């Protein structure tokens, strides 16, 4: 969780936590679970930057192939659109990491 708790909020949380742990043991498993590989990689700017450059290259290559009016042009255009969308998501995440 991001942010800091005040002293009063921390005391309230300390009061509630044992009750939650008794009522729902699955909460301990959920809180203690290690994040997945994808979740861990999603927070690393270098990996995201490499992914962004690969997606940009894929988008450009597919767009050029689609413009060449080959028989596979619709598939190339679809792949270019999908990779452009994923590139936008990655760039948005990179911007969010830079602002944090």
PDB file of N, CA and C in Angstrom:
ATOM      1  N   UNK A   1       0.850  -1.170   0.000  1.00  0.00           N
ATOM      2  CA  UNK A   1       0.000   0.000   0.000  1.00  0.00           C
ATOM      3  C   UNK A   1       0.893   1.229   0.000  1.00  0.00           C
ATOM      4  N   UNK A   2       0.554   2.191  -0.811  1.00  0.00           N
ATOM      5  CA  UNK A   2       1.308   3.435  -0.876  1.00  0.00           C
ATOM      6  C   UNK A   2       0.793   4.389   0.181  1.00  0.00           C
ATOM      7  N   UNK A   3       1.679   5.230   0.663  1.00  0.00           N
ATOM      8  CA  UNK A   3       1.271   6.237   1.635  1.00  0.00           C
ATOM      9  C   UNK A   3       1.662   5.828   3.044  1.00  0.00           C
ATOM     10  N   UNK A   4       1.438   6.743   3.934  1.00  0.00           N
ATOM     11  CA  UNK A   4       1.780   6.508   5.334  1.00  0.00           C
ATOM     12  C   UNK A   4       0.516   6.594   6.167  1.00  0.00           C
ATOM     13  N   UNK A   5       0.481   5.786   7.208  1.00  0.00           N
ATOM     14  CA  UNK A   5      -0.661   5.805   8.114  1.00  0.00           C
ATOM     15  C   UNK A   5      -0.349   6.699   9.300  1.00  0.00           C
ATOM     16  N   UNK A   6      -1.371   7.374   9.782  1.00  0.00           N
ATOM     17  CA  UNK A   6      -1.206   8.148  11.002  1.00  0.00           C
ATOM     18  C   UNK A   6      -1.155   7.168  12.169  1.00  0.00           C
ATOM     19  N   UNK A   7      -0.790   7.666  13.323  1.00  0.00           N
ATOM     20  CA  UNK A   7      -0.727   6.809  14.503  1.00  0.00           C
ATOM     21  C   UNK A   7      -2.076   6.194  14.831  1.00  0.00           C
ATOM     22  N   UNK A   8      -3.116   6.989  14.701  1.00  0.00           N
ATOM     23  CA  UNK A   8      -4.470   6.499  14.999  1.00  0.00           C
ATOM     24  C   UNK A   8      -4.883   5.421  13.997  1.00  0.00           C
ATOM     25  N   UNK A   9      -4.594   5.644  12.713  1.00  0.00           N
ATOM     26  CA  UNK A   9      -4.942   4.655  11.692  1.00  0.00           C
ATOM     27  C   UNK A   9      -4.181   3.348  11.908  1.00  0.00           C
ATOM     28  N   UNK A  10      -2.917   3.456  12.295  1.00  0.00           N
ATOM     29  CA  UNK A  10      -2.113   2.257  12.554  1.00  0.00           C
ATOM     30  C   UNK A  10      -2.674   1.479  13.731  1.00  0.00           C
ATOM     31  N   UNK A  11      -3.099   2.172  14.791  1.00  0.00           N
ATOM     32  CA  UNK A  11      -3.684   1.478  15.954  1.00  0.00           C
ATOM     33  C   UNK A  11      -4.977   0.781  15.566  1.00  0.00           C
ATOM     34  N   UNK A  12      -5.820   1.450  14.773  1.00  0.00           N
ATOM     35  CA  UNK A  12      -7.069   0.827  14.325  1.00  0.00           C
ATOM     36  C   UNK A  12      -6.788  -0.406  13.471  1.00  0.00           C
ATOM     37  N   UNK A  13      -5.816  -0.298  12.601  1.00  0.00           N
ATOM     38  CA  UNK A  13      -5.447  -1.442  11.764  1.00  0.00           C
ATOM     39  C   UNK A  13      -4.923  -2.590  12.626  1.00  0.00           C
ATOM     40  N   UNK A  14      -4.112  -2.268  13.624  1.00  0.00           N
ATOM     41  CA  UNK A  14      -3.597  -3.304  14.524  1.00  0.00           C
ATOM     42  C   UNK A  14      -4.721  -3.984  15.293  1.00  0.00           C
ATOM     43  N   UNK A  15      -5.783  -3.234  15.614  1.00  0.00           N
ATOM     44  CA  UNK A  15      -6.927  -3.821  16.322  1.00  0.00           C
ATOM     45  C   UNK A  15      -7.744  -4.748  15.419  1.00  0.00           C
ATOM     46  N   UNK A  16      -7.881  -4.393  14.157  1.00  0.00           N
ATOM     47  CA  UNK A  16      -8.728  -5.145  13.235  1.00  0.00           C
ATOM     48  C   UNK A  16      -8.014  -6.366  12.663  1.00  0.00           C
ATOM     49  N   UNK A  17      -6.719  -6.275  12.470  1.00  0.00           N
ATOM     50  CA  UNK A  17      -5.975  -7.325  11.775  1.00  0.00           C
ATOM     51  C   UNK A  17      -6.110  -8.716  12.402  1.00  0.00           C
ATOM     52  N   UNK A  18      -5.994  -8.884  13.731  1.00  0.00           N
ATOM     53  CA  UNK A  18      -6.142 -10.240  14.287  1.00  0.00           C
ATOM     54  C   UNK A  18      -7.521 -10.845  14.015  1.00  0.00           C
ATOM     55  N   UNK A  19      -8.559 -10.023  14.037  1.00  0.00           N
ATOM     56  CA  UNK A  19      -9.906 -10.528  13.767  1.00  0.00           C
ATOM     57  C   UNK A  19     -10.017 -11.007  12.320  1.00  0.00           C
ATOM     58  N   UNK A  20      -9.453 -10.238  11.406  1.00  0.00           N
ATOM     59  CA  UNK A  20      -9.491 -10.639  10.002  1.00  0.00           C
ATOM     60  C   UNK A  20      -8.719 -11.937   9.775  1.00  0.00           C
ATOM     61  N   UNK A  21      -7.592 -12.070  10.437  1.00  0.00           N
ATOM     62  CA  UNK A  21      -6.784 -13.279  10.258  1.00  0.00           C
ATOM     63  C   UNK A  21      -7.490 -14.511  10.817  1.00  0.00           C
ATOM     64  N   UNK A  22      -8.238 -14.354  11.903  1.00  0.00           N
ATOM     65  CA  UNK A  22      -8.979 -15.487  12.464  1.00  0.00           C
ATOM     66  C   UNK A  22     -10.155 -15.867  11.578  1.00  0.00           C
ATOM     67  N   UNK A  23     -10.850 -14.860  11.045  1.00  0.00           N
ATOM     68  CA  UNK A  23     -12.057 -15.117  10.269  1.00  0.00           C
ATOM     69  C   UNK A  23     -11.750 -15.649   8.873  1.00  0.00           C
ATOM     70  N   UNK A  24     -10.648 -15.260   8.275  1.00  0.00           N
ATOM     71  CA  UNK A  24     -10.345 -15.668   6.914  1.00  0.00           C
ATOM     72  C   UNK A  24      -8.866 -16.035   6.783  1.00  0.00           C
ATOM     73  N   UNK A  25      -8.538 -17.323   6.979  1.00  0.00           N
ATOM     74  CA  UNK A  25      -7.129 -17.727   6.857  1.00  0.00           C
ATOM     75  C   UNK A  25      -6.589 -17.584   5.429  1.00  0.00           C
ATOM     76  N   UNK A  26      -7.481 -17.531   4.438  1.00  0.00           N
ATOM     77  CA  UNK A  26      -7.024 -17.356   3.057  1.00  0.00           C
ATOM     78  C   UNK A  26      -6.366 -15.993   2.866  1.00  0.00           C
ATOM     79  N   UNK A  27      -6.704 -15.038   3.713  1.00  0.00           N
ATOM     80  CA  UNK A  27      -6.106 -13.709   3.633  1.00  0.00           C
ATOM     81  C   UNK A  27      -4.605 -13.786   3.871  1.00  0.00           C
ATOM     82  N   UNK A  28      -4.179 -14.612   4.818  1.00  0.00           N
ATOM     83  CA  UNK A  28      -2.747 -14.781   5.062  1.00  0.00           C
ATOM     84  C   UNK A  28      -2.046 -15.334   3.834  1.00  0.00           C
ATOM     85  N   UNK A  29      -2.665 -16.310   3.187  1.00  0.00           N
ATOM     86  CA  UNK A  29      -2.061 -16.886   1.986  1.00  0.00           C
ATOM     87  C   UNK A  29      -1.995 -15.846   0.873  1.00  0.00           C
ATOM     88  N   UNK A  30      -3.049 -15.050   0.754  1.00  0.00           N
ATOM     89  CA  UNK A  30      -3.084 -14.036  -0.294  1.00  0.00           C
ATOM     90  C   UNK A  30      -2.028 -12.959  -0.047  1.00  0.00           C
ATOM     91  N   UNK A  31      -1.920 -12.505   1.188  1.00  0.00           N
ATOM     92  CA  UNK A  31      -0.951 -11.462   1.506  1.00  0.00           C
ATOM     93  C   UNK A  31       0.480 -11.978   1.451  1.00  0.00           C
ATOM     94  N   UNK A  32       0.671 -13.255   1.728  1.00  0.00           N
ATOM     95  CA  UNK A  32       2.016 -13.824   1.736  1.00  0.00           C
ATOM     96  C   UNK A  32       2.462 -14.361   0.393  1.00  0.00           C
ATOM     97  N   UNK A  33       1.584 -14.340  -0.611  1.00  0.00           N
ATOM     98  CA  UNK A  33       1.931 -14.890  -1.920  1.00  0.00           C
ATOM     99  C   UNK A  33       2.944 -14.006  -2.621  1.00  0.00           C
ATOM    100  N   UNK A  34       3.866 -14.653  -3.304  1.00  0.00           N
ATOM    101  CA  UNK A  34       4.879 -13.918  -4.066  1.00  0.00           C
ATOM    102  C   UNK A  34       4.247 -13.444  -5.377  1.00  0.00           C
ATOM    103  N   UNK A  35       4.523 -12.213  -5.785  1.00  0.00           N
ATOM    104  CA  UNK A  35       3.957 -11.727  -7.048  1.00  0.00           C
ATOM    105  C   UNK A  35       4.449 -12.566  -8.234  1.00  0.00           C
ATOM    106  N   UNK A  36       3.649 -12.639  -9.264  1.00  0.00           N
ATOM    107  CA  UNK A  36       4.021 -13.407 -10.447  1.00  0.00           C
ATOM    108  C   UNK A  36       5.159 -12.719 -11.186  1.00  0.00           C
ATOM    109  N   UNK A  37       5.772 -13.456 -12.094  1.00  0.00           N
ATOM    110  CA  UNK A  37       6.874 -12.902 -12.874  1.00  0.00           C
ATOM    111  C   UNK A  37       6.419 -11.684 -13.673  1.00  0.00           C
ATOM    112  N   UNK A  38       5.256 -11.779 -14.275  1.00  0.00           N
ATOM    113  CA  UNK A  38       4.740 -10.645 -15.054  1.00  0.00           C
ATOM    114  C   UNK A  38       4.529  -9.417 -14.170  1.00  0.00           C
ATOM    115  N   UNK A  39       3.997  -9.626 -12.970  1.00  0.00           N
ATOM    116  CA  UNK A  39       3.773  -8.496 -12.055  1.00  0.00           C
ATOM    117  C   UNK A  39       5.089  -7.857 -11.637  1.00  0.00           C
ATOM    118  N   UNK A  40       6.122  -8.691 -11.417  1.00  0.00           N
ATOM    119  CA  UNK A  40       7.419  -8.135 -11.029  1.00  0.00           C
ATOM    120  C   UNK A  40       8.079  -7.395 -12.184  1.00  0.00           C
ATOM    121  N   UNK A  41       7.959  -7.919 -13.393  1.00  0.00           N
ATOM    122  CA  UNK A  41       8.568  -7.259 -14.547  1.00  0.00           C
ATOM    123  C   UNK A  41       7.860  -5.958 -14.902  1.00  0.00           C
ATOM    124  N   UNK A  42       6.575  -5.868 -14.605  1.00  0.00           N
ATOM    125  CA  UNK A  42       5.767  -4.693 -14.938  1.00  0.00           C
ATOM    126  C   UNK A  42       6.231  -3.460 -14.163  1.00  0.00           C
ATOM    127  N   UNK A  43       7.046  -3.643 -13.122  1.00  0.00           N
ATOM    128  CA  UNK A  43       7.509  -2.520 -12.301  1.00  0.00           C
ATOM    129  C   UNK A  43       8.974  -2.165 -12.571  1.00  0.00           C
ATOM    130  N   UNK A  44       9.575  -2.741 -13.616  1.00  0.00           N
ATOM    131  CA  UNK A  44      10.975  -2.459 -13.935  1.00  0.00           C
ATOM    132  C   UNK A  44      11.069  -1.616 -15.204  1.00  0.00           C
ATOM    133  N   UNK A  45      11.521  -0.380 -15.070  1.00  0.00           N
ATOM    134  CA  UNK A  45      11.543   0.523 -16.225  1.00  0.00           C
ATOM    135  C   UNK A  45      12.436   0.049 -17.373  1.00  0.00           C
ATOM    136  N   UNK A  46      13.569  -0.575 -17.077  1.00  0.00           N
ATOM    137  CA  UNK A  46      14.458  -1.012 -18.155  1.00  0.00           C
ATOM    138  C   UNK A  46      13.800  -2.085 -19.014  1.00  0.00           C
ATOM    139  N   UNK A  47      13.133  -3.006 -18.377  1.00  0.00           N
ATOM    140  CA  UNK A  47      12.463  -4.066 -19.115  1.00  0.00           C
ATOM    141  C   UNK A  47      11.307  -3.488 -19.917  1.00  0.00           C
ATOM    142  N   UNK A  48      10.587  -2.548 -19.322  1.00  0.00           N
ATOM    143  CA  UNK A  48       9.494  -1.904 -20.049  1.00  0.00           C
ATOM    144  C   UNK A  48      10.007  -1.105 -21.245  1.00  0.00           C
ATOM    145  N   UNK A  49      11.150  -0.457 -21.082  1.00  0.00           N
ATOM    146  CA  UNK A  49      11.726   0.300 -22.194  1.00  0.00           C
ATOM    147  C   UNK A  49      12.149  -0.637 -23.326  1.00  0.00           C
ATOM    148  N   UNK A  50      12.732  -1.780 -22.982  1.00  0.00           N
ATOM    149  CA  UNK A  50      13.102  -2.764 -24.001  1.00  0.00           C
ATOM    150  C   UNK A  50      11.861  -3.310 -24.695  1.00  0.00           C
ATOM    151  N   UNK A  51      10.826  -3.565 -23.928  1.00  0.00           N
ATOM    152  CA  UNK A  51       9.571  -4.040 -24.508  1.00  0.00           C
ATOM    153  C   UNK A  51       8.963  -2.986 -25.431  1.00  0.00           C
ATOM    154  N   UNK A  52       9.034  -1.733 -25.021  1.00  0.00           N
ATOM    155  CA  UNK A  52       8.494  -0.646 -25.846  1.00  0.00           C
ATOM    156  C   UNK A  52       9.245  -0.546 -27.178  1.00  0.00           C
ATOM    157  N   UNK A  53      10.555  -0.681 -27.142  1.00  0.00           N
ATOM    158  CA  UNK A  53      11.307  -0.596 -28.398  1.00  0.00           C
ATOM    159  C   UNK A  53      11.014  -1.787 -29.298  1.00  0.00           C
ATOM    160  N   UNK A  54      10.865  -2.974 -28.718  1.00  0.00           N
ATOM    161  CA  UNK A  54      10.516  -4.153 -29.521  1.00  0.00           C
ATOM    162  C   UNK A  54       9.124  -4.010 -30.134  1.00  0.00           C
ATOM    163  N   UNK A  55       8.188  -3.496 -29.354  1.00  0.00           N
ATOM    164  CA  UNK A  55       6.836  -3.297 -29.876  1.00  0.00           C
ATOM    165  C   UNK A  55       6.796  -2.226 -30.956  1.00  0.00           C
ATOM    166  N   UNK A  56       7.602  -1.187 -30.806  1.00  0.00           N
ATOM    167  CA  UNK A  56       7.658  -0.139 -31.833  1.00  0.00           C
ATOM    168  C   UNK A  56       8.222  -0.700 -33.134  1.00  0.00           C
ATOM    169  N   UNK A  57       9.257  -1.538 -33.023  1.00  0.00           N
ATOM    170  CA  UNK A  57       9.836  -2.151 -34.223  1.00  0.00           C
ATOM    171  C   UNK A  57       8.836  -3.098 -34.879  1.00  0.00           C
ATOM    172  N   UNK A  58       8.125  -3.875 -34.078  1.00  0.00           N
ATOM    173  CA  UNK A  58       7.121  -4.788 -34.617  1.00  0.00           C
ATOM    174  C   UNK A  58       5.990  -4.026 -35.309  1.00  0.00           C
ATOM    175  N   UNK A  59       5.553  -2.947 -34.672  1.00  0.00           N
ATOM    176  CA  UNK A  59       4.494  -2.125 -35.267  1.00  0.00           C
ATOM    177  C   UNK A  59       4.936  -1.563 -36.617  1.00  0.00           C
ATOM    178  N   UNK A  60       6.136  -1.024 -36.668  1.00  0.00           N
ATOM    179  CA  UNK A  60       6.641  -0.445 -37.916  1.00  0.00           C
ATOM    180  C   UNK A  60       6.797  -1.508 -38.997  1.00  0.00           C
ATOM    181  N   UNK A  61       7.346  -2.652 -38.636  1.00  0.00           N
ATOM    182  CA  UNK A  61       7.536  -3.723 -39.625  1.00  0.00           C
ATOM    183  C   UNK A  61       6.202  -4.220 -40.164  1.00  0.00           C
ATOM    184  N   UNK A  62       5.240  -4.411 -39.290  1.00  0.00           N
ATOM    185  CA  UNK A  62       3.925  -4.884 -39.733  1.00  0.00           C
ATOM    186  C   UNK A  62       3.216  -3.831 -40.593  1.00  0.00           C
ATOM    187  N   UNK A  63       3.355  -2.573 -40.221  1.00  0.00           N
ATOM    188  CA  UNK A  63       2.724  -1.516 -41.007  1.00  0.00           C
ATOM    189  C   UNK A  63       3.342  -1.433 -42.398  1.00  0.00           C
ATOM    190  N   UNK A  64       4.660  -1.568 -42.498  1.00  0.00           N
ATOM    191  CA  UNK A  64       5.313  -1.561 -43.807  1.00  0.00           C
ATOM    192  C   UNK A  64       4.898  -2.768 -44.636  1.00  0.00           C
ATOM    193  N   UNK A  65       4.798  -3.915 -44.000  1.00  0.00           N
ATOM    194  CA  UNK A  65       4.395  -5.129 -44.714  1.00  0.00           C
ATOM    195  C   UNK A  65       2.950  -5.011 -45.190  1.00  0.00           C
ATOM    196  N   UNK A  66       2.105  -4.419 -44.367  1.00  0.00           N
ATOM    197  CA  UNK A  66       0.707  -4.238 -44.767  1.00  0.00           C
ATOM    198  C   UNK A  66       0.586  -3.243 -45.920  1.00  0.00           C
ATOM    199  N   UNK A  67       1.442  -2.241 -45.932  1.00  0.00           N
ATOM    200  CA  UNK A  67       1.406  -1.235 -47.002  1.00  0.00           C
ATOM    201  C   UNK A  67       1.939  -1.779 -48.317  1.00  0.00           C
ATOM    202  N   UNK A  68       2.685  -2.882 -48.260  1.00  0.00           N
ATOM    203  CA  UNK A  68       3.263  -3.458 -49.476  1.00  0.00           C
ATOM    204  C   UNK A  68       2.220  -4.183 -50.310  1.00  0.00           C
ATOM    205  N   UNK A  69       0.998  -4.261 -49.852  1.00  0.00           N
ATOM    206  CA  UNK A  69      -0.118  -4.868 -50.565  1.00  0.00           C
ATOM    207  C   UNK A  69       0.164  -6.329 -50.924  1.00  0.00           C
ATOM    208  N   UNK A  70       0.600  -7.069 -49.929  1.00  0.00           N
ATOM    209  CA  UNK A  70       0.831  -8.502 -50.095  1.00  0.00           C
ATOM    210  C   UNK A  70      -0.435  -9.258 -49.721  1.00  0.00           C
ATOM    211  N   UNK A  71      -0.489 -10.557 -50.017  1.00  0.00           N
ATOM    212  CA  UNK A  71      -1.682 -11.327 -49.641  1.00  0.00           C
ATOM    213  C   UNK A  71      -1.924 -11.374 -48.121  1.00  0.00           C
ATOM    214  N   UNK A  72      -0.879 -11.229 -47.359  1.00  0.00           N
ATOM    215  CA  UNK A  72      -1.021 -11.269 -45.895  1.00  0.00           C
ATOM    216  C   UNK A  72      -1.191  -9.882 -45.297  1.00  0.00           C
ATOM    217  N   UNK A  73      -1.553  -8.903 -46.090  1.00  0.00           N
ATOM    218  CA  UNK A  73      -1.679  -7.522 -45.606  1.00  0.00           C
ATOM    219  C   UNK A  73      -2.704  -7.381 -44.482  1.00  0.00           C
ATOM    220  N   UNK A  74      -3.888  -8.030 -44.544  1.00  0.00           N
ATOM    221  CA  UNK A  74      -4.830  -7.878 -43.426  1.00  0.00           C
ATOM    222  C   UNK A  74      -4.279  -8.405 -42.098  1.00  0.00           C
ATOM    223  N   UNK A  75      -3.575  -9.521 -42.157  1.00  0.00           N
ATOM    224  CA  UNK A  75      -2.981 -10.066 -40.924  1.00  0.00           C
ATOM    225  C   UNK A  75      -1.899  -9.134 -40.395  1.00  0.00           C
ATOM    226  N   UNK A  76      -1.101  -8.567 -41.300  1.00  0.00           N
ATOM    227  CA  UNK A  76      -0.046  -7.645 -40.879  1.00  0.00           C
ATOM    228  C   UNK A  76      -0.639  -6.374 -40.284  1.00  0.00           C
ATOM    229  N   UNK A  77      -1.723  -5.896 -40.882  1.00  0.00           N
ATOM    230  CA  UNK A  77      -2.368  -4.688 -40.353  1.00  0.00           C
ATOM    231  C   UNK A  77      -2.970  -4.955 -38.976  1.00  0.00           C
ATOM    232  N   UNK A  78      -3.559  -6.123 -38.809  1.00  0.00           N
ATOM    233  CA  UNK A  78      -4.123  -6.483 -37.503  1.00  0.00           C
ATOM    234  C   UNK A  78      -3.019  -6.596 -36.449  1.00  0.00           C
ATOM    235  N   UNK A  79      -1.912  -7.220 -36.824  1.00  0.00           N
ATOM    236  CA  UNK A  79      -0.780  -7.337 -35.893  1.00  0.00           C
ATOM    237  C   UNK A  79      -0.207  -5.964 -35.565  1.00  0.00           C
ATOM    238  N   UNK A  80      -0.128  -5.088 -36.549  1.00  0.00           N
ATOM    239  CA  UNK A  80       0.369  -3.726 -36.300  1.00  0.00           C
ATOM    240  C   UNK A  80      -0.542  -2.981 -35.338  1.00  0.00           C
ATOM    241  N   UNK A  81      -1.851  -3.142 -35.507  1.00  0.00           N
ATOM    242  CA  UNK A  81      -2.788  -2.469 -34.609  1.00  0.00           C
ATOM    243  C   UNK A  81      -2.676  -3.012 -33.185  1.00  0.00           C
ATOM    244  N   UNK A  82      -2.570  -4.326 -33.066  1.00  0.00           N
ATOM    245  CA  UNK A  82      -2.453  -4.925 -31.726  1.00  0.00           C
ATOM    246  C   UNK A  82      -1.157  -4.515 -31.047  1.00  0.00           C
ATOM    247  N   UNK A  83      -0.057  -4.529 -31.793  1.00  0.00           N
ATOM    248  CA  UNK A  83       1.216  -4.142 -31.175  1.00  0.00           C
ATOM    249  C   UNK A  83       1.245  -2.650 -30.859  1.00  0.00           C
ATOM    250  N   UNK A  84       0.581  -1.829 -31.651  1.00  0.00           N
ATOM    251  CA  UNK A  84       0.500  -0.399 -31.336  1.00  0.00           C
ATOM    252  C   UNK A  84      -0.296  -0.175 -30.058  1.00  0.00           C
ATOM    253  N   UNK A  85      -1.362  -0.950 -29.877  1.00  0.00           N
ATOM    254  CA  UNK A  85      -2.149  -0.845 -28.648  1.00  0.00           C
ATOM    255  C   UNK A  85      -1.318  -1.258 -27.440  1.00  0.00           C
ATOM    256  N   UNK A  86      -0.593  -2.378 -27.556  1.00  0.00           N
ATOM    257  CA  UNK A  86       0.255  -2.822 -26.440  1.00  0.00           C
ATOM    258  C   UNK A  86       1.366  -1.817 -26.167  1.00  0.00           C
ATOM    259  N   UNK A  87       1.896  -1.210 -27.249  1.00  0.00           N
ATOM    260  CA  UNK A  87       2.922  -0.183 -27.075  1.00  0.00           C
ATOM    261  C   UNK A  87       2.367   1.002 -26.297  1.00  0.00           C
ATOM    262  N   UNK A  88       1.143   1.386 -26.580  1.00  0.00           N
ATOM    263  CA  UNK A  88       0.524   2.497 -25.842  1.00  0.00           C
ATOM    264  C   UNK A  88       0.376   2.148 -24.363  1.00  0.00           C
ATOM    265  N   UNK A  89       0.004   0.914 -24.066  1.00  0.00           N
ATOM    266  CA  UNK A  89      -0.118   0.499 -22.667  1.00  0.00           C
ATOM    267  C   UNK A  89       1.236   0.534 -21.955  1.00  0.00           C
ATOM    268  N   UNK A  90       2.270   0.052 -22.629  1.00  0.00           N
ATOM    269  CA  UNK A  90       3.607   0.039 -22.023  1.00  0.00           C
ATOM    270  C   UNK A  90       4.112   1.463 -21.813  1.00  0.00           C
ATOM    271  N   UNK A  91       3.911   2.324 -22.795  1.00  0.00           N
ATOM    272  CA  UNK A  91       4.346   3.714 -22.639  1.00  0.00           C
ATOM    273  C   UNK A  91       3.581   4.429 -21.524  1.00  0.00           C
ATOM    274  N   UNK A  92       2.312   4.100 -21.393  1.00  0.00           N
ATOM    275  CA  UNK A  92       1.520   4.676 -20.297  1.00  0.00           C
ATOM    276  C   UNK A  92       2.073   4.237 -18.941  1.00  0.00           C
ATOM    277  N   UNK A  93       2.451   2.956 -18.846  1.00  0.00           N
ATOM    278  CA  UNK A  93       3.021   2.450 -17.594  1.00  0.00           C
ATOM    279  C   UNK A  93       4.367   3.093 -17.315  1.00  0.00           C
ATOM    280  N   UNK A  94       5.181   3.255 -18.359  1.00  0.00           N
ATOM    281  CA  UNK A  94       6.473   3.918 -18.177  1.00  0.00           C
ATOM    282  C   UNK A  94       6.284   5.356 -17.698  1.00  0.00           C
ATOM    283  N   UNK A  95       5.311   6.042 -18.246  1.00  0.00           N
ATOM    284  CA  UNK A  95       5.040   7.418 -17.810  1.00  0.00           C
ATOM    285  C   UNK A  95       4.583   7.437 -16.354  1.00  0.00           C
ATOM    286  N   UNK A  96       3.783   6.451 -15.973  1.00  0.00           N
ATOM    287  CA  UNK A  96       3.332   6.392 -14.581  1.00  0.00           C
ATOM    288  C   UNK A  96       4.498   6.104 -13.641  1.00  0.00           C
ATOM    289  N   UNK A  97       5.426   5.252 -14.052  1.00  0.00           N
ATOM    290  CA  UNK A  97       6.600   4.981 -13.215  1.00  0.00           C
ATOM    291  C   UNK A  97       7.496   6.199 -13.118  1.00  0.00           C
ATOM    292  N   UNK A  98       7.592   6.971 -14.202  1.00  0.00           N
ATOM    293  CA  UNK A  98       8.411   8.178 -14.184  1.00  0.00           C
ATOM    294  C   UNK A  98       7.828   9.268 -13.311  1.00  0.00           C
ATOM    295  N   UNK A  99       6.504   9.300 -13.212  1.00  0.00           N
ATOM    296  CA  UNK A  99       5.843  10.321 -12.401  1.00  0.00           C
ATOM    297  C   UNK A  99       5.861   9.972 -10.928  1.00  0.00           C
ATOM    298  N   UNK A 100       6.064   8.709 -10.607  1.00  0.00           N
ATOM    299  CA  UNK A 100       6.019   8.272  -9.197  1.00  0.00           C
ATOM    300  C   UNK A 100       7.258   8.620  -8.450  1.00  0.00           C
TER     301      UNK A 100
END
